[in-house]
Amino acid sequence: MAPPKRAEARPIRVSTGLLQGIDPSVSWHLACISGFISPYFVTDPEGMEAALDEPFLLIHEKKISNVKDLLPLLEQIVRAGKPLLIISEDVEAEALATLVVNKIRGTFPCAAVKAPGFGDRRKAMLQDIAILTGGQLIAEELGIKLENVTVEQLGKAKRVVIDKDTTTIVGGAGTRSAIDGRCREIRKQIEETTSDYDKEKLQERLAKLTGGVAVIRVGAPSESEAKKLKEAFEDAINATKAAVAEGILPGAGLSLLRAIDAVEAEEAKCDGDEKTGLRILKKALEAPTRQIAENSALDGGVVLDRMRSGKGNSGLDASTGKYVDLIEAGIVDATKVVRVALENAVSVASTLLLTEATLTEEREKKPERGSAPEFGES
């Protein structure tokens, strides 16, 4: 299915699979709603996520609490051998307990999430999800009772990933014509509404129907290698998002060195403790570049002088020991990362000065090789 033409940020997920190498793919259907109702639905305890492959989706308008209403459908789900995701106003009491027990026992994978929004807006968003996944909205006012629902009325998706805050539906089974028709309806409502709030909410709904999610699947010979590869991709994605949010700066600590001029200008206006504080800040701004140089077996002081006296984006490429245009060489930092790191460092230092105390974790002393363990040690 062709991606939407308008350029905007798309969610990106990284998953591990039974493959060697990297398999980037894009699914152009996406719906982000609230997170799981119970942590017992989690399938990945480390990432605190619940992942369902090729699940059925029950999209229900009201609360589900009576397990008797749900049992006929659950029996069909078990026979079909597919996971189940329930999206409703809420799932509670016996119904929730039954789902959790079946998930823990391995009877069938399942999860439940609360429907997004309130009132008429919730109903409209549930209808969006139903169209996206090729299912029906189960509502008594439409003459559909929960105890009479069949699997043919459920939505379908290639994959659903749920964490504590969001649910991402990838590869909904809805037809392109139905989704396009729904998008036309929403665009018409956007044109007709005079409320800025309603317009914003309608635009959010439209974005979820027309959005896409990029899925990068990675694999390696062992689980630990695949995990490391996944983490590396996630780090790269987060760094890219930070760069998109606020831009980039030359790396190697050059941006912090450039900030020293502004600190010195402020220092000239101050005296006493303020002047001392600004001197400390100047030293701190030099620290990253000095450490990078020393890690490369170079003289930190010499590198600092060279980079401070340099012009433009000239700085040290630690991998070669040469001075290059850092931006052209691709040695960059996300502006947001540099800003947040500096803000946090100043905050921690200020707290330390204010409290005159710090809490540290004491390292355990490792016994020397060859020494006999004390009584009681294993």
Protein backbone atom coordinates (compact mmCIF):
# COMPACT_ATOMS: atom_id res chain seq x y z
CA MET A 1 0.00 0.00 0.00
CA ALA A 2 1.42 3.40 -0.99
CA PRO A 3 2.54 5.72 1.78
CA PRO A 4 0.78 9.03 2.36
CA LYS A 5 2.21 11.88 0.32
CA ARG A 6 2.45 14.44 3.08
CA ALA A 7 5.79 14.48 4.89
CA GLU A 8 5.62 14.08 8.64
CA ALA A 9 7.31 12.09 11.37
CA ARG A 10 6.35 8.41 11.56
CA PRO A 11 6.74 6.09 14.53
CA ILE A 12 9.60 3.60 14.23
CA ARG A 13 9.76 0.29 16.07
CA VAL A 14 12.63 -2.19 16.30
CA SER A 15 11.92 -5.88 16.83
CA THR A 16 13.98 -9.05 16.85
CA GLY A 17 13.07 -11.99 14.66
CA LEU A 18 14.23 -15.29 13.22
CA LEU A 19 16.49 -13.81 10.57
CA GLN A 20 20.11 -12.89 9.99
CA GLY A 21 20.85 -9.22 9.44
CA ILE A 22 18.42 -6.35 9.04
CA ASP A 23 14.97 -6.24 7.42
CA PRO A 24 13.50 -2.72 7.26
CA SER A 25 9.85 -2.57 6.18
CA VAL A 26 7.05 -0.05 6.39
CA SER A 27 3.36 -0.60 7.15
CA TRP A 28 1.19 2.37 6.31
CA HIS A 29 -1.51 1.80 8.92
CA LEU A 30 -1.13 2.94 12.48
CA ALA A 31 -3.31 3.61 15.50
CA CYS A 32 -1.94 4.75 18.82
CA ILE A 33 -4.32 4.54 21.77
CA SER A 34 -3.94 3.94 25.51
CA GLY A 35 -1.75 1.25 27.11
CA PHE A 36 -2.59 -2.14 28.62
CA ILE A 37 -5.12 -2.37 31.46
CA SER A 38 -3.08 -4.93 33.39
CA PRO A 39 0.69 -5.57 33.45
CA TYR A 40 -0.11 -9.30 33.49
CA PHE A 41 -0.61 -9.02 29.72
CA VAL A 42 3.09 -8.22 29.20
CA THR A 43 5.01 -10.68 26.99
CA ASP A 44 8.39 -8.90 27.20
CA PRO A 45 9.08 -8.16 30.90
CA GLU A 46 12.34 -6.37 30.14
CA GLY A 47 10.77 -3.92 27.70
CA MET A 48 7.41 -3.98 29.54
CA GLU A 49 5.57 -4.61 26.28
CA ALA A 50 2.85 -6.97 25.15
CA ALA A 51 3.19 -8.10 21.53
CA LEU A 52 0.44 -9.99 19.68
CA ASP A 53 1.09 -11.42 16.21
CA GLU A 54 -1.86 -11.60 13.80
CA PRO A 55 -4.46 -11.00 16.52
CA PHE A 56 -8.22 -10.60 16.36
CA LEU A 57 -9.47 -7.24 17.70
CA LEU A 58 -12.73 -6.94 19.63
CA ILE A 59 -13.78 -3.29 19.41
CA HIS A 60 -16.49 -2.71 22.03
CA GLU A 61 -18.17 0.54 23.01
CA LYS A 62 -19.06 -0.24 26.66
CA LYS A 63 -17.43 -1.73 29.75
CA ILE A 64 -16.99 -5.50 29.82
CA SER A 65 -17.32 -7.03 33.28
CA ASN A 66 -19.64 -10.04 32.93
CA VAL A 67 -17.57 -13.00 31.78
CA LYS A 68 -20.70 -14.87 30.62
CA ASP A 69 -21.17 -12.35 27.81
CA LEU A 70 -17.56 -12.87 26.71
CA LEU A 71 -17.31 -16.67 26.96
CA PRO A 72 -18.94 -17.58 23.59
CA LEU A 73 -16.42 -15.39 21.76
CA LEU A 74 -13.47 -16.68 23.81
CA GLU A 75 -14.37 -20.25 22.83
CA GLN A 76 -14.26 -19.23 19.15
CA ILE A 77 -10.89 -17.52 19.68
CA VAL A 78 -9.41 -20.67 21.24
CA ARG A 79 -10.64 -22.77 18.31
CA ALA A 80 -9.17 -20.27 15.84
CA GLY A 81 -5.79 -20.39 17.62
CA LYS A 82 -5.26 -16.63 17.37
CA PRO A 83 -4.42 -13.95 19.96
CA LEU A 84 -7.11 -11.48 21.06
CA LEU A 85 -6.94 -7.76 21.76
CA ILE A 86 -9.95 -6.13 23.42
CA ILE A 87 -10.45 -2.39 23.00
CA SER A 88 -13.36 -1.12 25.10
CA GLU A 89 -14.37 1.52 27.64
CA ASP A 90 -12.92 -0.82 30.27
CA VAL A 91 -12.50 -4.49 31.14
CA GLU A 92 -12.96 -5.30 34.79
CA ALA A 93 -14.00 -7.84 37.43
CA GLU A 94 -14.56 -11.42 36.22
CA ALA A 95 -13.91 -10.60 32.57
CA LEU A 96 -10.46 -9.16 33.29
CA ALA A 97 -9.59 -12.01 35.66
CA THR A 98 -10.57 -14.58 33.02
CA LEU A 99 -8.37 -12.95 30.38
CA VAL A 100 -5.39 -12.74 32.75
CA VAL A 101 -5.74 -16.38 33.85
CA ASN A 102 -5.97 -17.61 30.25
CA LYS A 103 -2.93 -15.56 29.26
CA ILE A 104 -0.83 -16.79 32.21
CA ARG A 105 -1.84 -20.43 31.61
CA GLY A 106 -1.01 -20.11 27.93
CA THR A 107 -4.53 -20.96 26.76
CA PHE A 108 -4.35 -18.11 24.26
CA PRO A 109 -2.39 -14.83 24.08
CA CYS A 110 -4.55 -11.82 24.87
CA ALA A 111 -4.53 -8.23 26.09
CA ALA A 112 -7.02 -5.47 26.86
CA VAL A 113 -6.75 -1.71 26.52
CA LYS A 114 -9.10 1.16 27.31
CA ALA A 115 -10.76 2.91 24.40
CA PRO A 116 -9.44 6.41 23.73
CA GLY A 117 -11.45 9.59 24.29
CA PHE A 118 -14.86 10.17 25.84
CA GLY A 119 -18.50 10.24 24.73
CA ASP A 120 -19.19 10.73 21.03
CA ARG A 121 -15.48 11.26 20.31
CA ARG A 122 -14.70 7.82 21.78
CA LYS A 123 -17.35 6.22 19.60
CA ALA A 124 -15.94 7.94 16.51
CA MET A 125 -12.37 6.84 17.35
CA LEU A 126 -13.51 3.26 17.91
CA GLN A 127 -15.21 3.36 14.52
CA ASP A 128 -11.91 4.59 13.04
CA ILE A 129 -10.11 1.59 14.54
CA ALA A 130 -12.83 -0.77 13.28
CA ILE A 131 -12.44 0.55 9.73
CA LEU A 132 -8.65 0.44 10.01
CA THR A 133 -8.71 -3.23 11.02
CA GLY A 134 -11.63 -4.42 8.90
CA GLY A 135 -13.85 -5.15 11.89
CA GLN A 136 -17.16 -3.95 13.31
CA LEU A 137 -17.79 -1.64 16.25
CA ILE A 138 -19.74 -3.73 18.75
CA ALA A 139 -22.49 -1.52 20.20
CA GLU A 140 -25.93 -2.49 21.49
CA GLU A 141 -27.49 0.59 19.88
CA LEU A 142 -26.43 -0.92 16.57
CA GLY A 143 -28.27 -4.11 17.52
CA ILE A 144 -25.11 -6.11 18.23
CA LYS A 145 -24.83 -7.84 21.62
CA LEU A 146 -21.50 -9.08 22.93
CA GLU A 147 -22.74 -12.64 23.55
CA ASN A 148 -23.71 -12.93 19.86
CA VAL A 149 -20.44 -11.66 18.38
CA THR A 150 -18.54 -13.96 16.01
CA VAL A 151 -14.90 -13.86 14.90
CA GLU A 152 -16.07 -12.62 11.47
CA GLN A 153 -17.06 -9.32 13.15
CA LEU A 154 -13.63 -8.81 14.72
CA GLY A 155 -10.85 -6.67 13.34
CA LYS A 156 -7.50 -8.12 12.28
CA ALA A 157 -3.93 -6.83 12.17
CA LYS A 158 -0.47 -8.16 11.36
CA ARG A 159 0.88 -7.15 14.75
CA VAL A 160 -0.07 -5.17 17.84
CA VAL A 161 2.48 -3.82 20.33
CA ILE A 162 1.27 -2.45 23.68
CA ASP A 163 3.15 -0.71 26.46
CA LYS A 164 1.89 1.10 29.55
CA ASP A 165 0.99 4.24 27.57
CA THR A 166 0.25 3.33 23.95
CA THR A 167 -1.06 0.64 21.65
CA THR A 168 0.33 0.48 18.11
CA ILE A 169 -1.65 -1.44 15.52
CA VAL A 170 0.46 -2.42 12.52
CA GLY A 171 -0.94 -3.70 9.24
CA GLY A 172 -4.66 -3.37 9.88
CA ALA A 173 -6.83 -5.53 7.61
CA GLY A 174 -9.14 -2.69 6.58
CA THR A 175 -9.57 -2.07 2.86
CA ARG A 176 -7.99 0.98 1.28
CA SER A 177 -11.34 2.15 -0.09
CA ALA A 178 -12.97 2.04 3.36
CA ILE A 179 -10.06 3.89 4.97
CA ASP A 180 -10.00 6.53 2.22
CA GLY A 181 -13.75 7.00 2.60
CA ARG A 182 -13.37 7.52 6.35
CA CYS A 183 -10.57 10.02 5.74
CA ARG A 184 -12.80 11.98 3.35
CA GLU A 185 -15.51 12.14 6.02
CA ILE A 186 -13.07 13.48 8.60
CA ARG A 187 -11.62 16.06 6.19
CA LYS A 188 -15.15 17.30 5.48
CA GLN A 189 -15.81 17.62 9.22
CA ILE A 190 -12.56 19.59 9.60
CA GLU A 191 -13.72 22.04 6.91
CA GLU A 192 -17.16 22.45 8.46
CA THR A 193 -16.27 22.82 12.15
CA THR A 194 -15.80 26.27 13.67
CA SER A 195 -14.22 24.98 16.90
CA ASP A 196 -10.42 25.03 17.05
CA TYR A 197 -10.51 22.23 19.66
CA ASP A 198 -12.73 20.00 17.49
CA LYS A 199 -10.55 20.74 14.48
CA GLU A 200 -7.43 19.69 16.39
CA LYS A 201 -9.02 16.42 17.52
CA LEU A 202 -10.27 15.67 14.01
CA GLN A 203 -6.78 16.29 12.62
CA GLU A 204 -5.36 13.86 15.20
CA ARG A 205 -7.82 11.20 14.07
CA LEU A 206 -6.94 11.82 10.43
CA ALA A 207 -3.21 11.55 11.19
CA LYS A 208 -3.72 8.17 12.87
CA LEU A 209 -5.64 6.82 9.89
CA THR A 210 -3.17 8.10 7.30
CA GLY A 211 0.02 7.57 9.30
CA GLY A 212 2.60 4.85 8.93
CA VAL A 213 4.86 2.88 11.22
CA ALA A 214 8.31 1.73 10.15
CA VAL A 215 9.28 -1.68 11.52
CA ILE A 216 12.97 -2.62 11.55
CA ARG A 217 13.48 -6.33 12.23
CA VAL A 218 16.96 -7.38 13.30
CA GLY A 219 18.46 -10.80 13.81
CA ALA A 220 21.77 -12.36 14.84
CA PRO A 221 23.24 -15.83 15.53
CA SER A 222 22.45 -15.54 19.25
CA GLU A 223 19.78 -13.89 21.39
CA SER A 224 22.32 -11.69 23.19
CA GLU A 225 23.75 -10.40 19.88
CA ALA A 226 20.25 -9.69 18.57
CA LYS A 227 19.45 -7.80 21.76
CA LYS A 228 22.60 -5.65 21.42
CA LEU A 229 21.79 -4.94 17.78
CA LYS A 230 18.24 -3.95 18.70
CA GLU A 231 19.51 -1.60 21.43
CA ALA A 232 21.98 -0.03 18.98
CA PHE A 233 19.15 0.69 16.54
CA GLU A 234 16.96 2.12 19.30
CA ASP A 235 19.81 4.41 20.40
CA ALA A 236 20.28 5.58 16.81
CA ILE A 237 16.56 6.22 16.40
CA ASN A 238 16.37 8.21 19.63
CA ALA A 239 19.43 10.26 18.63
CA THR A 240 17.86 10.98 15.25
CA LYS A 241 14.58 12.04 16.86
CA ALA A 242 16.48 14.39 19.16
CA ALA A 243 18.32 15.84 16.14
CA VAL A 244 15.06 16.34 14.26
CA ALA A 245 13.51 18.06 17.29
CA GLU A 246 16.19 20.71 17.84
CA GLY A 247 18.87 20.31 15.16
CA ILE A 248 22.53 19.31 15.40
CA LEU A 249 25.79 20.81 16.62
CA PRO A 250 29.42 20.00 15.75
CA GLY A 251 30.63 17.16 17.97
CA ALA A 252 33.88 16.54 19.89
CA GLY A 253 32.68 19.03 22.52
CA LEU A 254 33.18 21.98 20.14
CA SER A 255 29.74 23.46 20.79
CA LEU A 256 30.47 23.57 24.54
CA LEU A 257 33.84 25.23 23.89
CA ARG A 258 32.11 27.87 21.76
CA ALA A 259 29.78 28.58 24.71
CA ILE A 260 32.77 29.54 26.90
CA ASP A 261 32.95 32.98 25.23
CA ALA A 262 29.43 33.76 26.47
CA VAL A 263 30.32 32.54 29.97
CA GLU A 264 33.44 34.73 30.03
CA ALA A 265 31.40 37.77 28.98
CA GLU A 266 29.03 37.13 31.87
CA GLU A 267 31.93 36.46 34.25
CA ALA A 268 33.31 39.97 33.62
CA LYS A 269 30.08 41.43 35.03
CA CYS A 270 30.09 39.32 38.22
CA ASP A 271 32.10 38.99 41.40
CA GLY A 272 32.24 36.83 44.51
CA ASP A 273 30.48 33.45 44.45
CA GLU A 274 28.85 34.11 41.08
CA LYS A 275 32.26 34.65 39.49
CA THR A 276 33.54 31.44 41.11
CA GLY A 277 30.53 29.53 39.81
CA LEU A 278 31.11 30.76 36.26
CA ARG A 279 34.77 29.72 36.46
CA ILE A 280 33.68 26.24 37.50
CA LEU A 281 31.23 26.16 34.58
CA LYS A 282 34.02 27.13 32.16
CA LYS A 283 36.13 24.20 33.37
CA ALA A 284 33.16 21.88 33.01
CA LEU A 285 32.57 23.02 29.42
CA GLU A 286 36.15 22.04 28.58
CA ALA A 287 35.87 18.57 30.14
CA PRO A 288 34.27 16.60 27.24
CA THR A 289 36.88 17.75 24.67
CA ARG A 290 39.73 17.17 27.11
CA GLN A 291 38.49 13.64 27.85
CA ILE A 292 38.05 12.81 24.16
CA ALA A 293 41.64 13.91 23.50
CA GLU A 294 43.08 11.96 26.42
CA ASN A 295 41.14 8.85 25.41
CA SER A 296 42.96 9.12 22.06
CA ALA A 297 46.38 9.44 23.79
CA LEU A 298 46.59 13.15 22.90
CA ASP A 299 47.42 16.12 25.11
CA GLY A 300 44.09 17.54 26.29
CA GLY A 301 45.47 21.04 26.84
CA VAL A 302 46.95 21.25 23.34
CA VAL A 303 43.72 20.04 21.73
CA LEU A 304 41.68 22.55 23.75
CA ASP A 305 43.88 25.46 22.67
CA ARG A 306 43.76 24.36 19.02
CA MET A 307 39.98 23.95 18.97
CA ARG A 308 39.26 27.17 20.88
CA SER A 309 41.44 29.19 18.52
CA GLY A 310 40.02 27.47 15.44
CA LYS A 311 37.22 28.84 13.29
CA GLY A 312 33.95 27.47 12.04
CA ASN A 313 33.36 23.78 12.66
CA SER A 314 37.03 22.78 12.82
CA GLY A 315 37.69 20.20 15.51
CA LEU A 316 39.39 16.93 16.42
CA ASP A 317 38.48 13.69 14.71
CA ALA A 318 39.53 11.34 17.52
CA SER A 319 39.58 8.30 15.22
CA THR A 320 42.37 9.79 13.05
CA GLY A 321 43.90 12.44 15.33
CA LYS A 322 43.37 15.03 12.58
CA TYR A 323 41.49 18.32 12.64
CA VAL A 324 38.56 18.36 10.23
CA ASP A 325 35.28 20.13 9.54
CA LEU A 326 33.21 18.19 12.07
CA ILE A 327 29.87 18.72 10.34
CA GLU A 328 31.20 17.53 6.97
CA ALA A 329 32.85 14.54 8.66
CA GLY A 330 29.54 13.58 10.27
CA ILE A 331 30.87 14.11 13.80
CA VAL A 332 27.82 15.75 15.33
CA ASP A 333 25.75 15.88 18.50
CA ALA A 334 22.01 16.42 18.74
CA THR A 335 21.38 19.92 20.13
CA LYS A 336 18.76 18.52 22.49
CA VAL A 337 21.21 15.99 23.94
CA VAL A 338 23.87 18.66 24.57
CA ARG A 339 21.33 21.05 26.09
CA VAL A 340 19.73 18.48 28.40
CA ALA A 341 23.13 17.12 29.51
CA LEU A 342 24.31 20.64 30.42
CA GLU A 343 21.06 21.50 32.21
CA ASN A 344 21.17 18.27 34.22
CA ALA A 345 24.84 18.75 35.12
CA VAL A 346 24.16 22.28 36.41
CA SER A 347 21.10 21.02 38.31
CA VAL A 348 23.06 18.23 40.03
CA ALA A 349 25.94 20.56 40.92
CA SER A 350 23.50 23.15 42.32
CA THR A 351 21.77 20.52 44.44
CA LEU A 352 25.12 19.27 45.75
CA LEU A 353 26.17 22.81 46.74
CA LEU A 354 22.81 23.44 48.39
CA THR A 355 22.65 20.21 50.41
CA GLU A 356 26.41 19.81 50.99
CA ALA A 357 25.85 16.06 50.79
CA THR A 358 25.67 13.29 48.24
CA LEU A 359 24.55 9.66 48.20
CA THR A 360 26.78 7.16 46.45
CA GLU A 361 26.64 3.42 46.01
CA GLU A 362 29.48 1.65 47.78
CA ARG A 363 31.33 -0.77 45.56
CA GLU A 364 31.74 -4.29 46.80
CA LYS A 365 35.35 -5.30 47.30
CA LYS A 366 36.25 -8.31 45.21
CA PRO A 367 38.34 -10.96 47.00
CA GLU A 368 41.90 -11.29 45.78
CA ARG A 369 42.64 -14.22 43.54
CA GLY A 370 43.71 -17.28 45.41
CA SER A 371 42.44 -16.07 48.79
CA ALA A 372 40.24 -18.46 50.70
CA PRO A 373 36.61 -17.34 51.10
CA GLU A 374 35.44 -16.43 54.56
CA PHE A 375 33.11 -18.79 56.40
CA GLY A 376 29.61 -18.56 54.99
CA GLU A 377 30.70 -17.29 51.57
CA SER A 378 29.91 -19.40 48.55
